[in-house]
PDB file of N, CA and C in Angstrom:
ATOM      1  N   UNK A   1     -48.736  69.112  95.663  1.00  0.00           N
ATOM      2  CA  UNK A   1     -48.579  69.327  96.988  1.00  0.00           C
ATOM      3  C   UNK A   1     -49.395  70.254  97.424  1.00  0.00           C
ATOM      4  N   UNK A   2     -50.360  69.994  98.362  1.00  0.00           N
ATOM      5  CA  UNK A   2     -51.222  70.920  99.008  1.00  0.00           C
ATOM      6  C   UNK A   2     -50.787  71.703 100.060  1.00  0.00           C
ATOM      7  N   UNK A   3     -51.058  73.208 100.190  1.00  0.00           N
ATOM      8  CA  UNK A   3     -50.467  74.043 100.808  1.00  0.00           C
ATOM      9  C   UNK A   3     -51.284  73.653 102.216  1.00  0.00           C
ATOM     10  N   UNK A   4     -50.600  74.574 103.256  1.00  0.00           N
ATOM     11  CA  UNK A   4     -51.240  74.393 104.506  1.00  0.00           C
ATOM     12  C   UNK A   4     -52.652  75.164 104.625  1.00  0.00           C
ATOM     13  N   UNK A   5     -52.843  76.377 103.686  1.00  0.00           N
ATOM     14  CA  UNK A   5     -53.888  77.117 103.683  1.00  0.00           C
ATOM     15  C   UNK A   5     -54.888  76.036 103.031  1.00  0.00           C
ATOM     16  N   UNK A   6     -54.553  75.260 101.871  1.00  0.00           N
ATOM     17  CA  UNK A   6     -55.663  74.464 101.283  1.00  0.00           C
ATOM     18  C   UNK A   6     -56.114  73.568 102.306  1.00  0.00           C
ATOM     19  N   UNK A   7     -55.251  72.757 102.941  1.00  0.00           N
ATOM     20  CA  UNK A   7     -55.576  71.767 103.972  1.00  0.00           C
ATOM     21  C   UNK A   7     -56.658  72.058 105.161  1.00  0.00           C
ATOM     22  N   UNK A   8     -56.413  73.254 105.617  1.00  0.00           N
ATOM     23  CA  UNK A   8     -57.436  74.219 106.506  1.00  0.00           C
ATOM     24  C   UNK A   8     -58.631  74.326 105.652  1.00  0.00           C
ATOM     25  N   UNK A   9     -58.531  74.823 104.434  1.00  0.00           N
ATOM     26  CA  UNK A   9     -59.889  75.106 103.759  1.00  0.00           C
ATOM     27  C   UNK A   9     -60.847  73.681 103.570  1.00  0.00           C
ATOM     28  N   UNK A  10     -59.890  72.727 103.369  1.00  0.00           N
ATOM     29  CA  UNK A  10     -60.383  71.631 103.023  1.00  0.00           C
ATOM     30  C   UNK A  10     -61.254  70.944 104.368  1.00  0.00           C
ATOM     31  N   UNK A  11     -60.531  70.980 105.172  1.00  0.00           N
ATOM     32  CA  UNK A  11     -61.279  70.809 106.546  1.00  0.00           C
ATOM     33  C   UNK A  11     -62.336  71.342 107.119  1.00  0.00           C
ATOM     34  N   UNK A  12     -62.466  72.711 106.707  1.00  0.00           N
ATOM     35  CA  UNK A  12     -63.368  73.819 107.165  1.00  0.00           C
ATOM     36  C   UNK A  12     -64.699  73.417 106.176  1.00  0.00           C
ATOM     37  N   UNK A  13     -64.268  73.202 104.965  1.00  0.00           N
ATOM     38  CA  UNK A  13     -65.852  72.745 104.033  1.00  0.00           C
ATOM     39  C   UNK A  13     -66.154  71.376 104.147  1.00  0.00           C
ATOM     40  N   UNK A  14     -65.401  70.449 104.527  1.00  0.00           N
ATOM     41  CA  UNK A  14     -65.624  69.057 104.901  1.00  0.00           C
ATOM     42  C   UNK A  14     -66.757  69.332 106.178  1.00  0.00           C
ATOM     43  N   UNK A  15     -66.066  70.110 107.178  1.00  0.00           N
ATOM     44  CA  UNK A  15     -66.990  69.965 108.215  1.00  0.00           C
ATOM     45  C   UNK A  15     -68.422  70.617 108.304  1.00  0.00           C
ATOM     46  N   UNK A  16     -68.570  71.623 107.489  1.00  0.00           N
ATOM     47  CA  UNK A  16     -69.575  72.290 107.245  1.00  0.00           C
ATOM     48  C   UNK A  16     -70.448  71.505 106.077  1.00  0.00           C
ATOM     49  N   UNK A  17     -69.989  70.853 105.222  1.00  0.00           N
ATOM     50  CA  UNK A  17     -70.886  70.128 104.318  1.00  0.00           C
ATOM     51  C   UNK A  17     -71.552  69.269 105.188  1.00  0.00           C
ATOM     52  N   UNK A  18     -70.734  68.546 106.071  1.00  0.00           N
ATOM     53  CA  UNK A  18     -71.378  67.349 106.762  1.00  0.00           C
ATOM     54  C   UNK A  18     -72.371  67.479 107.687  1.00  0.00           C
ATOM     55  N   UNK A  19     -72.382  69.168 108.205  1.00  0.00           N
ATOM     56  CA  UNK A  19     -73.205  69.230 109.024  1.00  0.00           C
ATOM     57  C   UNK A  19     -74.886  69.845 108.270  1.00  0.00           C
ATOM     58  N   UNK A  20     -74.195  70.205 106.920  1.00  0.00           N
ATOM     59  CA  UNK A  20     -75.519  70.648 106.184  1.00  0.00           C
ATOM     60  C   UNK A  20     -76.158  69.148 105.777  1.00  0.00           C
ATOM     61  N   UNK A  21     -75.542  68.188 105.220  1.00  0.00           N
ATOM     62  CA  UNK A  21     -76.112  66.981 104.949  1.00  0.00           C
ATOM     63  C   UNK A  21     -76.681  66.086 106.113  1.00  0.00           C
ATOM     64  N   UNK A  22     -76.081  66.529 107.436  1.00  0.00           N
ATOM     65  CA  UNK A  22     -76.646  65.803 108.388  1.00  0.00           C
ATOM     66  C   UNK A  22     -78.298  66.204 108.688  1.00  0.00           C
ATOM     67  N   UNK A  23     -78.288  67.640 108.328  1.00  0.00           N
ATOM     68  CA  UNK A  23     -79.497  68.395 108.777  1.00  0.00           C
ATOM     69  C   UNK A  23     -80.678  67.722 107.550  1.00  0.00           C
ATOM     70  N   UNK A  24     -80.177  67.857 106.614  1.00  0.00           N
ATOM     71  CA  UNK A  24     -80.975  67.479 105.404  1.00  0.00           C
ATOM     72  C   UNK A  24     -81.321  66.099 105.404  1.00  0.00           C
ATOM     73  N   UNK A  25     -80.387  65.139 106.053  1.00  0.00           N
ATOM     74  CA  UNK A  25     -80.794  63.618 106.141  1.00  0.00           C
ATOM     75  C   UNK A  25     -81.590  63.241 107.171  1.00  0.00           C
ATOM     76  N   UNK A  26     -81.969  64.167 108.055  1.00  0.00           N
ATOM     77  CA  UNK A  26     -82.659  63.760 109.125  1.00  0.00           C
ATOM     78  C   UNK A  26     -84.097  63.859 108.802  1.00  0.00           C
ATOM     79  N   UNK A  27     -84.310  64.510 107.592  1.00  0.00           N
ATOM     80  CA  UNK A  27     -85.846  64.511 106.985  1.00  0.00           C
ATOM     81  C   UNK A  27     -86.054  63.139 106.321  1.00  0.00           C
ATOM     82  N   UNK A  28     -84.972  62.608 105.625  1.00  0.00           N
ATOM     83  CA  UNK A  28     -85.244  61.463 105.134  1.00  0.00           C
ATOM     84  C   UNK A  28     -84.983  59.865 105.721  1.00  0.00           C
ATOM     85  N   UNK A  29     -85.582  59.190 106.467  1.00  0.00           N
ATOM     86  CA  UNK A  29     -85.185  58.238 107.267  1.00  0.00           C
ATOM     87  C   UNK A  29     -84.859  57.124 106.555  1.00  0.00           C
ATOM     88  N   UNK A  30     -83.435  56.536 106.963  1.00  0.00           N
ATOM     89  CA  UNK A  30     -82.841  55.517 106.487  1.00  0.00           C
ATOM     90  C   UNK A  30     -81.681  55.754 105.562  1.00  0.00           C
ATOM     91  N   UNK A  31     -81.538  56.863 105.553  1.00  0.00           N
ATOM     92  CA  UNK A  31     -80.468  57.268 104.682  1.00  0.00           C
ATOM     93  C   UNK A  31     -79.339  58.320 104.983  1.00  0.00           C
ATOM     94  N   UNK A  32     -77.957  58.178 105.156  1.00  0.00           N
ATOM     95  CA  UNK A  32     -77.026  58.586 105.671  1.00  0.00           C
ATOM     96  C   UNK A  32     -75.852  59.172 104.587  1.00  0.00           C
ATOM     97  N   UNK A  33     -75.608  60.362 104.422  1.00  0.00           N
ATOM     98  CA  UNK A  33     -74.670  61.077 103.736  1.00  0.00           C
ATOM     99  C   UNK A  33     -73.605  61.430 104.752  1.00  0.00           C
ATOM    100  N   UNK A  34     -72.395  61.092 104.189  1.00  0.00           N
ATOM    101  CA  UNK A  34     -71.147  61.487 105.014  1.00  0.00           C
ATOM    102  C   UNK A  34     -69.976  62.205 104.021  1.00  0.00           C
ATOM    103  N   UNK A  35     -69.648  62.945 104.255  1.00  0.00           N
ATOM    104  CA  UNK A  35     -68.331  64.050 103.475  1.00  0.00           C
ATOM    105  C   UNK A  35     -66.988  63.245 103.719  1.00  0.00           C
ATOM    106  N   UNK A  36     -66.884  62.423 102.902  1.00  0.00           N
ATOM    107  CA  UNK A  36     -65.659  61.584 103.299  1.00  0.00           C
ATOM    108  C   UNK A  36     -64.212  62.403 102.981  1.00  0.00           C
ATOM    109  N   UNK A  37     -63.925  63.093 101.821  1.00  0.00           N
ATOM    110  CA  UNK A  37     -62.928  64.001 101.735  1.00  0.00           C
ATOM    111  C   UNK A  37     -63.453  65.491 101.139  1.00  0.00           C
ATOM    112  N   UNK A  38     -62.588  66.197 101.220  1.00  0.00           N
ATOM    113  CA  UNK A  38     -62.936  67.497 100.196  1.00  0.00           C
ATOM    114  C   UNK A  38     -61.372  68.068  99.675  1.00  0.00           C
ATOM    115  N   UNK A  39     -61.404  68.479  98.336  1.00  0.00           N
ATOM    116  CA  UNK A  39     -60.229  68.724  97.969  1.00  0.00           C
ATOM    117  C   UNK A  39     -60.382  70.258  96.842  1.00  0.00           C
ATOM    118  N   UNK A  40     -59.600  71.043  97.618  1.00  0.00           N
ATOM    119  CA  UNK A  40     -60.006  72.546  97.051  1.00  0.00           C
ATOM    120  C   UNK A  40     -58.566  72.644  95.891  1.00  0.00           C
ATOM    121  N   UNK A  41     -59.009  73.370  94.769  1.00  0.00           N
ATOM    122  CA  UNK A  41     -57.847  73.887  94.120  1.00  0.00           C
ATOM    123  C   UNK A  41     -56.894  74.671  94.569  1.00  0.00           C
ATOM    124  N   UNK A  42     -56.026  74.854  93.806  1.00  0.00           N
ATOM    125  CA  UNK A  42     -54.857  75.831  94.152  1.00  0.00           C
ATOM    126  C   UNK A  42     -55.345  77.373  94.268  1.00  0.00           C
ATOM    127  N   UNK A  43     -56.265  77.900  93.300  1.00  0.00           N
ATOM    128  CA  UNK A  43     -56.773  79.096  93.343  1.00  0.00           C
ATOM    129  C   UNK A  43     -57.936  79.332  94.379  1.00  0.00           C
ATOM    130  N   UNK A  44     -58.395  78.099  95.078  1.00  0.00           N
ATOM    131  CA  UNK A  44     -59.372  78.125  95.866  1.00  0.00           C
ATOM    132  C   UNK A  44     -60.856  78.213  95.117  1.00  0.00           C
ATOM    133  N   UNK A  45     -61.019  78.109  94.087  1.00  0.00           N
ATOM    134  CA  UNK A  45     -62.283  78.442  93.045  1.00  0.00           C
ATOM    135  C   UNK A  45     -63.075  77.255  93.207  1.00  0.00           C
ATOM    136  N   UNK A  46     -62.631  76.104  93.203  1.00  0.00           N
ATOM    137  CA  UNK A  46     -63.527  74.945  93.131  1.00  0.00           C
ATOM    138  C   UNK A  46     -63.164  73.909  94.282  1.00  0.00           C
ATOM    139  N   UNK A  47     -64.232  73.213  94.617  1.00  0.00           N
ATOM    140  CA  UNK A  47     -63.875  72.307  95.745  1.00  0.00           C
ATOM    141  C   UNK A  47     -64.750  70.685  95.248  1.00  0.00           C
ATOM    142  N   UNK A  48     -63.926  69.864  95.493  1.00  0.00           N
ATOM    143  CA  UNK A  48     -64.527  68.709  94.874  1.00  0.00           C
ATOM    144  C   UNK A  48     -64.669  67.877  96.294  1.00  0.00           C
ATOM    145  N   UNK A  49     -65.938  67.358  96.400  1.00  0.00           N
ATOM    146  CA  UNK A  49     -66.342  67.022  97.686  1.00  0.00           C
ATOM    147  C   UNK A  49     -66.830  65.362  97.256  1.00  0.00           C
ATOM    148  N   UNK A  50     -65.922  64.486  97.986  1.00  0.00           N
ATOM    149  CA  UNK A  50     -66.363  62.950  97.651  1.00  0.00           C
ATOM    150  C   UNK A  50     -67.562  62.640  99.244  1.00  0.00           C
ATOM    151  N   UNK A  51     -68.625  61.952  98.327  1.00  0.00           N
ATOM    152  CA  UNK A  51     -69.768  61.786  99.493  1.00  0.00           C
ATOM    153  C   UNK A  51     -69.619  60.504  99.649  1.00  0.00           C
ATOM    154  N   UNK A  52     -69.814  59.638 100.700  1.00  0.00           N
ATOM    155  CA  UNK A  52     -70.214  58.368 100.994  1.00  0.00           C
ATOM    156  C   UNK A  52     -71.870  58.319 101.206  1.00  0.00           C
ATOM    157  N   UNK A  53     -72.667  57.455 100.616  1.00  0.00           N
ATOM    158  CA  UNK A  53     -74.030  57.561 100.948  1.00  0.00           C
ATOM    159  C   UNK A  53     -74.418  56.204 101.164  1.00  0.00           C
ATOM    160  N   UNK A  54     -75.097  56.014 102.232  1.00  0.00           N
ATOM    161  CA  UNK A  54     -76.054  54.934 102.818  1.00  0.00           C
ATOM    162  C   UNK A  54     -77.133  54.539 102.529  1.00  0.00           C
ATOM    163  N   UNK A  55     -77.918  53.904 101.969  1.00  0.00           N
ATOM    164  CA  UNK A  55     -77.472  52.652 101.325  1.00  0.00           C
ATOM    165  C   UNK A  55     -77.058  52.940 100.264  1.00  0.00           C
ATOM    166  N   UNK A  56     -76.195  51.966  99.622  1.00  0.00           N
ATOM    167  CA  UNK A  56     -75.416  52.402  98.327  1.00  0.00           C
ATOM    168  C   UNK A  56     -75.962  52.217  97.126  1.00  0.00           C
ATOM    169  N   UNK A  57     -77.092  51.593  97.163  1.00  0.00           N
ATOM    170  CA  UNK A  57     -78.016  51.453  96.428  1.00  0.00           C
ATOM    171  C   UNK A  57     -79.059  52.449  95.607  1.00  0.00           C
ATOM    172  N   UNK A  58     -78.806  53.788  96.748  1.00  0.00           N
ATOM    173  CA  UNK A  58     -79.487  54.977  96.653  1.00  0.00           C
ATOM    174  C   UNK A  58     -78.512  55.926  96.312  1.00  0.00           C
ATOM    175  N   UNK A  59     -77.111  55.629  95.897  1.00  0.00           N
ATOM    176  CA  UNK A  59     -76.240  56.536  95.867  1.00  0.00           C
ATOM    177  C   UNK A  59     -76.036  57.344  94.599  1.00  0.00           C
ATOM    178  N   UNK A  60     -76.289  56.862  93.431  1.00  0.00           N
ATOM    179  CA  UNK A  60     -76.399  57.514  92.179  1.00  0.00           C
ATOM    180  C   UNK A  60     -77.548  58.377  92.053  1.00  0.00           C
ATOM    181  N   UNK A  61     -78.690  57.815  92.683  1.00  0.00           N
ATOM    182  CA  UNK A  61     -79.994  58.695  92.431  1.00  0.00           C
ATOM    183  C   UNK A  61     -79.711  60.104  93.812  1.00  0.00           C
ATOM    184  N   UNK A  62     -79.481  59.785  94.560  1.00  0.00           N
ATOM    185  CA  UNK A  62     -79.104  60.872  95.638  1.00  0.00           C
ATOM    186  C   UNK A  62     -78.023  62.000  95.046  1.00  0.00           C
ATOM    187  N   UNK A  63     -76.986  61.628  94.341  1.00  0.00           N
ATOM    188  CA  UNK A  63     -75.734  62.132  94.111  1.00  0.00           C
ATOM    189  C   UNK A  63     -76.206  63.043  92.805  1.00  0.00           C
ATOM    190  N   UNK A  64     -77.337  62.688  92.080  1.00  0.00           N
ATOM    191  CA  UNK A  64     -77.822  63.103  90.861  1.00  0.00           C
ATOM    192  C   UNK A  64     -78.844  64.640  91.629  1.00  0.00           C
ATOM    193  N   UNK A  65     -79.587  64.096  92.638  1.00  0.00           N
ATOM    194  CA  UNK A  65     -80.394  65.266  93.232  1.00  0.00           C
ATOM    195  C   UNK A  65     -79.430  66.222  93.822  1.00  0.00           C
ATOM    196  N   UNK A  66     -78.397  65.990  94.448  1.00  0.00           N
ATOM    197  CA  UNK A  66     -77.317  66.795  94.848  1.00  0.00           C
ATOM    198  C   UNK A  66     -77.119  67.759  93.908  1.00  0.00           C
ATOM    199  N   UNK A  67     -76.460  67.238  93.148  1.00  0.00           N
ATOM    200  CA  UNK A  67     -75.823  67.788  91.818  1.00  0.00           C
ATOM    201  C   UNK A  67     -77.079  68.942  91.190  1.00  0.00           C
ATOM    202  N   UNK A  68     -78.251  68.551  91.214  1.00  0.00           N
ATOM    203  CA  UNK A  68     -79.278  69.445  90.850  1.00  0.00           C
ATOM    204  C   UNK A  68     -79.509  70.797  91.622  1.00  0.00           C
ATOM    205  N   UNK A  69     -79.165  70.497  92.799  1.00  0.00           N
ATOM    206  CA  UNK A  69     -79.624  71.549  93.785  1.00  0.00           C
ATOM    207  C   UNK A  69     -78.020  72.148  94.316  1.00  0.00           C
ATOM    208  N   UNK A  70     -77.009  71.959  93.426  1.00  0.00           N
ATOM    209  CA  UNK A  70     -75.882  72.253  94.113  1.00  0.00           C
ATOM    210  C   UNK A  70     -75.615  74.048  94.568  1.00  0.00           C
ATOM    211  N   UNK A  71     -76.596  74.757  93.672  1.00  0.00           N
ATOM    212  CA  UNK A  71     -76.719  75.974  94.272  1.00  0.00           C
ATOM    213  C   UNK A  71     -77.254  76.492  95.384  1.00  0.00           C
ATOM    214  N   UNK A  72     -78.169  75.765  96.004  1.00  0.00           N
ATOM    215  CA  UNK A  72     -78.698  75.935  97.153  1.00  0.00           C
ATOM    216  C   UNK A  72     -77.455  75.382  98.406  1.00  0.00           C
ATOM    217  N   UNK A  73     -77.064  74.182  98.009  1.00  0.00           N
ATOM    218  CA  UNK A  73     -75.979  73.658  98.707  1.00  0.00           C
ATOM    219  C   UNK A  73     -74.983  74.649  99.079  1.00  0.00           C
ATOM    220  N   UNK A  74     -74.494  75.344  98.079  1.00  0.00           N
ATOM    221  CA  UNK A  74     -73.192  76.406  97.828  1.00  0.00           C
ATOM    222  C   UNK A  74     -73.810  77.832  98.843  1.00  0.00           C
ATOM    223  N   UNK A  75     -75.081  77.938  98.407  1.00  0.00           N
ATOM    224  CA  UNK A  75     -75.614  79.173  99.303  1.00  0.00           C
ATOM    225  C   UNK A  75     -75.703  78.914 100.843  1.00  0.00           C
ATOM    226  N   UNK A  76     -76.100  77.557 101.214  1.00  0.00           N
ATOM    227  CA  UNK A  76     -75.990  77.379 102.490  1.00  0.00           C
ATOM    228  C   UNK A  76     -74.408  77.627 103.372  1.00  0.00           C
ATOM    229  N   UNK A  77     -73.660  76.764 102.403  1.00  0.00           N
ATOM    230  CA  UNK A  77     -72.435  76.902 102.645  1.00  0.00           C
ATOM    231  C   UNK A  77     -71.716  78.317 102.850  1.00  0.00           C
ATOM    232  N   UNK A  78     -72.206  79.271 101.985  1.00  0.00           N
ATOM    233  CA  UNK A  78     -71.753  80.343 101.795  1.00  0.00           C
ATOM    234  C   UNK A  78     -72.357  81.243 103.011  1.00  0.00           C
ATOM    235  N   UNK A  79     -73.502  80.931 103.548  1.00  0.00           N
ATOM    236  CA  UNK A  79     -74.115  81.566 105.032  1.00  0.00           C
ATOM    237  C   UNK A  79     -73.239  81.072 106.176  1.00  0.00           C
ATOM    238  N   UNK A  80     -72.646  79.800 106.347  1.00  0.00           N
ATOM    239  CA  UNK A  80     -71.894  79.301 107.126  1.00  0.00           C
ATOM    240  C   UNK A  80     -70.645  79.653 107.062  1.00  0.00           C
ATOM    241  N   UNK A  81     -69.823  79.906 106.191  1.00  0.00           N
ATOM    242  CA  UNK A  81     -68.418  79.952 106.076  1.00  0.00           C
ATOM    243  C   UNK A  81     -68.069  81.634 105.409  1.00  0.00           C
ATOM    244  N   UNK A  82     -68.990  82.389 105.573  1.00  0.00           N
ATOM    245  CA  UNK A  82     -68.856  83.608 104.824  1.00  0.00           C
ATOM    246  C   UNK A  82     -67.984  84.505 105.563  1.00  0.00           C
ATOM    247  N   UNK A  83     -67.991  84.434 106.675  1.00  0.00           N
ATOM    248  CA  UNK A  83     -66.850  85.119 107.735  1.00  0.00           C
ATOM    249  C   UNK A  83     -65.538  84.922 107.606  1.00  0.00           C
ATOM    250  N   UNK A  84     -65.417  83.460 107.198  1.00  0.00           N
ATOM    251  CA  UNK A  84     -63.878  83.011 106.803  1.00  0.00           C
ATOM    252  C   UNK A  84     -63.502  82.716 105.719  1.00  0.00           C
ATOM    253  N   UNK A  85     -64.099  82.890 104.811  1.00  0.00           N
ATOM    254  CA  UNK A  85     -63.680  82.581 103.243  1.00  0.00           C
ATOM    255  C   UNK A  85     -64.282  83.897 102.273  1.00  0.00           C
ATOM    256  N   UNK A  86     -63.120  84.575 101.749  1.00  0.00           N
ATOM    257  CA  UNK A  86     -63.947  85.559 101.000  1.00  0.00           C
ATOM    258  C   UNK A  86     -64.617  85.116  99.748  1.00  0.00           C
ATOM    259  N   UNK A  87     -64.247  84.181  99.223  1.00  0.00           N
ATOM    260  CA  UNK A  87     -64.826  83.805  97.876  1.00  0.00           C
ATOM    261  C   UNK A  87     -65.138  82.219  98.193  1.00  0.00           C
ATOM    262  N   UNK A  88     -66.773  81.566  98.256  1.00  0.00           N
ATOM    263  CA  UNK A  88     -67.040  80.412  98.306  1.00  0.00           C
ATOM    264  C   UNK A  88     -66.871  79.276  96.811  1.00  0.00           C
ATOM    265  N   UNK A  89     -66.203  78.675  96.978  1.00  0.00           N
ATOM    266  CA  UNK A  89     -65.693  77.611  96.050  1.00  0.00           C
ATOM    267  C   UNK A  89     -66.859  77.177  95.032  1.00  0.00           C
ATOM    268  N   UNK A  90     -66.898  76.973  94.091  1.00  0.00           N
ATOM    269  CA  UNK A  90     -67.894  76.072  93.240  1.00  0.00           C
ATOM    270  C   UNK A  90     -67.541  74.646  93.862  1.00  0.00           C
ATOM    271  N   UNK A  91     -68.959  73.981  93.870  1.00  0.00           N
ATOM    272  CA  UNK A  91     -68.779  73.000  94.496  1.00  0.00           C
ATOM    273  C   UNK A  91     -69.066  71.673  93.429  1.00  0.00           C
ATOM    274  N   UNK A  92     -68.242  70.673  93.348  1.00  0.00           N
ATOM    275  CA  UNK A  92     -68.649  69.477  92.238  1.00  0.00           C
ATOM    276  C   UNK A  92     -68.536  68.277  93.290  1.00  0.00           C
ATOM    277  N   UNK A  93     -69.760  67.665  93.462  1.00  0.00           N
ATOM    278  CA  UNK A  93     -69.853  66.301  94.127  1.00  0.00           C
ATOM    279  C   UNK A  93     -69.403  64.950  93.291  1.00  0.00           C
ATOM    280  N   UNK A  94     -68.819  64.243  94.233  1.00  0.00           N
ATOM    281  CA  UNK A  94     -68.559  62.933  93.264  1.00  0.00           C
ATOM    282  C   UNK A  94     -68.890  61.911  94.604  1.00  0.00           C
ATOM    283  N   UNK A  95     -69.086  60.495  93.957  1.00  0.00           N
ATOM    284  CA  UNK A  95     -69.305  59.275  94.621  1.00  0.00           C
ATOM    285  C   UNK A  95     -68.041  58.534  95.184  1.00  0.00           C
ATOM    286  N   UNK A  96     -68.192  58.571  96.718  1.00  0.00           N
ATOM    287  CA  UNK A  96     -67.185  57.724  96.894  1.00  0.00           C
ATOM    288  C   UNK A  96     -67.382  56.500  97.209  1.00  0.00           C
ATOM    289  N   UNK A  97     -67.045  55.417  96.514  1.00  0.00           N
ATOM    290  CA  UNK A  97     -67.320  54.214  96.600  1.00  0.00           C
ATOM    291  C   UNK A  97     -66.206  53.205  97.041  1.00  0.00           C
ATOM    292  N   UNK A  98     -64.998  53.831  97.935  1.00  0.00           N
ATOM    293  CA  UNK A  98     -64.321  52.721  98.927  1.00  0.00           C
ATOM    294  C   UNK A  98     -64.702  52.157  99.283  1.00  0.00           C
ATOM    295  N   UNK A  99     -65.802  52.412 100.359  1.00  0.00           N
ATOM    296  CA  UNK A  99     -66.437  51.415 101.327  1.00  0.00           C
ATOM    297  C   UNK A  99     -67.022  50.192 100.458  1.00  0.00           C
ATOM    298  N   UNK A 100     -67.639  50.377  99.459  1.00  0.00           N
ATOM    299  CA  UNK A 100     -68.211  49.318  98.799  1.00  0.00           C
ATOM    300  C   UNK A 100     -67.159  48.272  98.470  1.00  0.00           C
ATOM    301  N   UNK A 101     -65.795  49.194  97.681  1.00  0.00           N
ATOM    302  CA  UNK A 101     -64.676  48.256  97.260  1.00  0.00           C
ATOM    303  C   UNK A 101     -64.236  47.483  98.213  1.00  0.00           C
ATOM    304  N   UNK A 102     -64.190  47.898  99.394  1.00  0.00           N
ATOM    305  CA  UNK A 102     -63.377  47.407 100.687  1.00  0.00           C
ATOM    306  C   UNK A 102     -64.488  46.109 100.902  1.00  0.00           C
ATOM    307  N   UNK A 103     -65.706  46.091 100.980  1.00  0.00           N
ATOM    308  CA  UNK A 103     -66.888  45.098 101.295  1.00  0.00           C
ATOM    309  C   UNK A 103     -66.989  44.397 100.258  1.00  0.00           C
ATOM    310  N   UNK A 104     -66.676  44.444  98.900  1.00  0.00           N
ATOM    311  CA  UNK A 104     -66.164  43.430  97.783  1.00  0.00           C
ATOM    312  C   UNK A 104     -65.015  42.846  98.059  1.00  0.00           C
ATOM    313  N   UNK A 105     -63.816  43.140  98.232  1.00  0.00           N
ATOM    314  CA  UNK A 105     -62.873  42.675  98.632  1.00  0.00           C
ATOM    315  C   UNK A 105     -62.737  41.620  99.694  1.00  0.00           C
ATOM    316  N   UNK A 106     -63.501  42.318 100.922  1.00  0.00           N
ATOM    317  CA  UNK A 106     -63.766  41.323 102.068  1.00  0.00           C
ATOM    318  C   UNK A 106     -64.553  39.833 101.714  1.00  0.00           C
ATOM    319  N   UNK A 107     -65.644  40.026 100.698  1.00  0.00           N
ATOM    320  CA  UNK A 107     -66.135  39.077 100.459  1.00  0.00           C
ATOM    321  C   UNK A 107     -65.914  38.254  99.442  1.00  0.00           C
ATOM    322  N   UNK A 108     -65.102  38.705  98.732  1.00  0.00           N
ATOM    323  CA  UNK A 108     -64.041  37.944  97.854  1.00  0.00           C
ATOM    324  C   UNK A 108     -62.898  37.063  98.553  1.00  0.00           C
ATOM    325  N   UNK A 109     -62.679  37.617  99.895  1.00  0.00           N
ATOM    326  CA  UNK A 109     -61.754  36.755 100.452  1.00  0.00           C
ATOM    327  C   UNK A 109     -62.634  35.603 101.362  1.00  0.00           C
ATOM    328  N   UNK A 110     -63.519  36.111 101.907  1.00  0.00           N
ATOM    329  CA  UNK A 110     -64.445  35.125 102.497  1.00  0.00           C
ATOM    330  C   UNK A 110     -64.899  33.991 101.597  1.00  0.00           C
ATOM    331  N   UNK A 111     -65.289  34.158 100.640  1.00  0.00           N
ATOM    332  CA  UNK A 111     -65.670  33.183  99.615  1.00  0.00           C
ATOM    333  C   UNK A 111     -64.357  32.251  99.202  1.00  0.00           C
ATOM    334  N   UNK A 112     -63.259  32.645  99.006  1.00  0.00           N
ATOM    335  CA  UNK A 112     -62.248  31.818  98.591  1.00  0.00           C
ATOM    336  C   UNK A 112     -62.100  31.017  99.634  1.00  0.00           C
ATOM    337  N   UNK A 113     -62.379  30.782 100.858  1.00  0.00           N
ATOM    338  CA  UNK A 113     -61.880  29.940 101.969  1.00  0.00           C
ATOM    339  C   UNK A 113     -62.854  28.905 101.814  1.00  0.00           C
TER     340      UNK A 113
END
């Protein structure tokens, strides 16, 4: 059960990370990264961010690149939310493949007809 404080911090980090990735993906044409979910640990020390990447064939490559540059992303996040959070959580990025899963199910249902 997440506390009200965790839920607020989840939304704050999700919003700010979305804006950071929006600014970065404007430089790369044809790529879209959206933050679908953020979950902060109870001690607010670790944040797990789930990313949906379009096109999905570049997902693993972009996620690896983001994980290599996690310190820069955390620094940018700290500059944005430094006045609201005392400690900026460590960031762990994961690939959210729920849209691919839904697309696969739709494809299977259409093929069945």
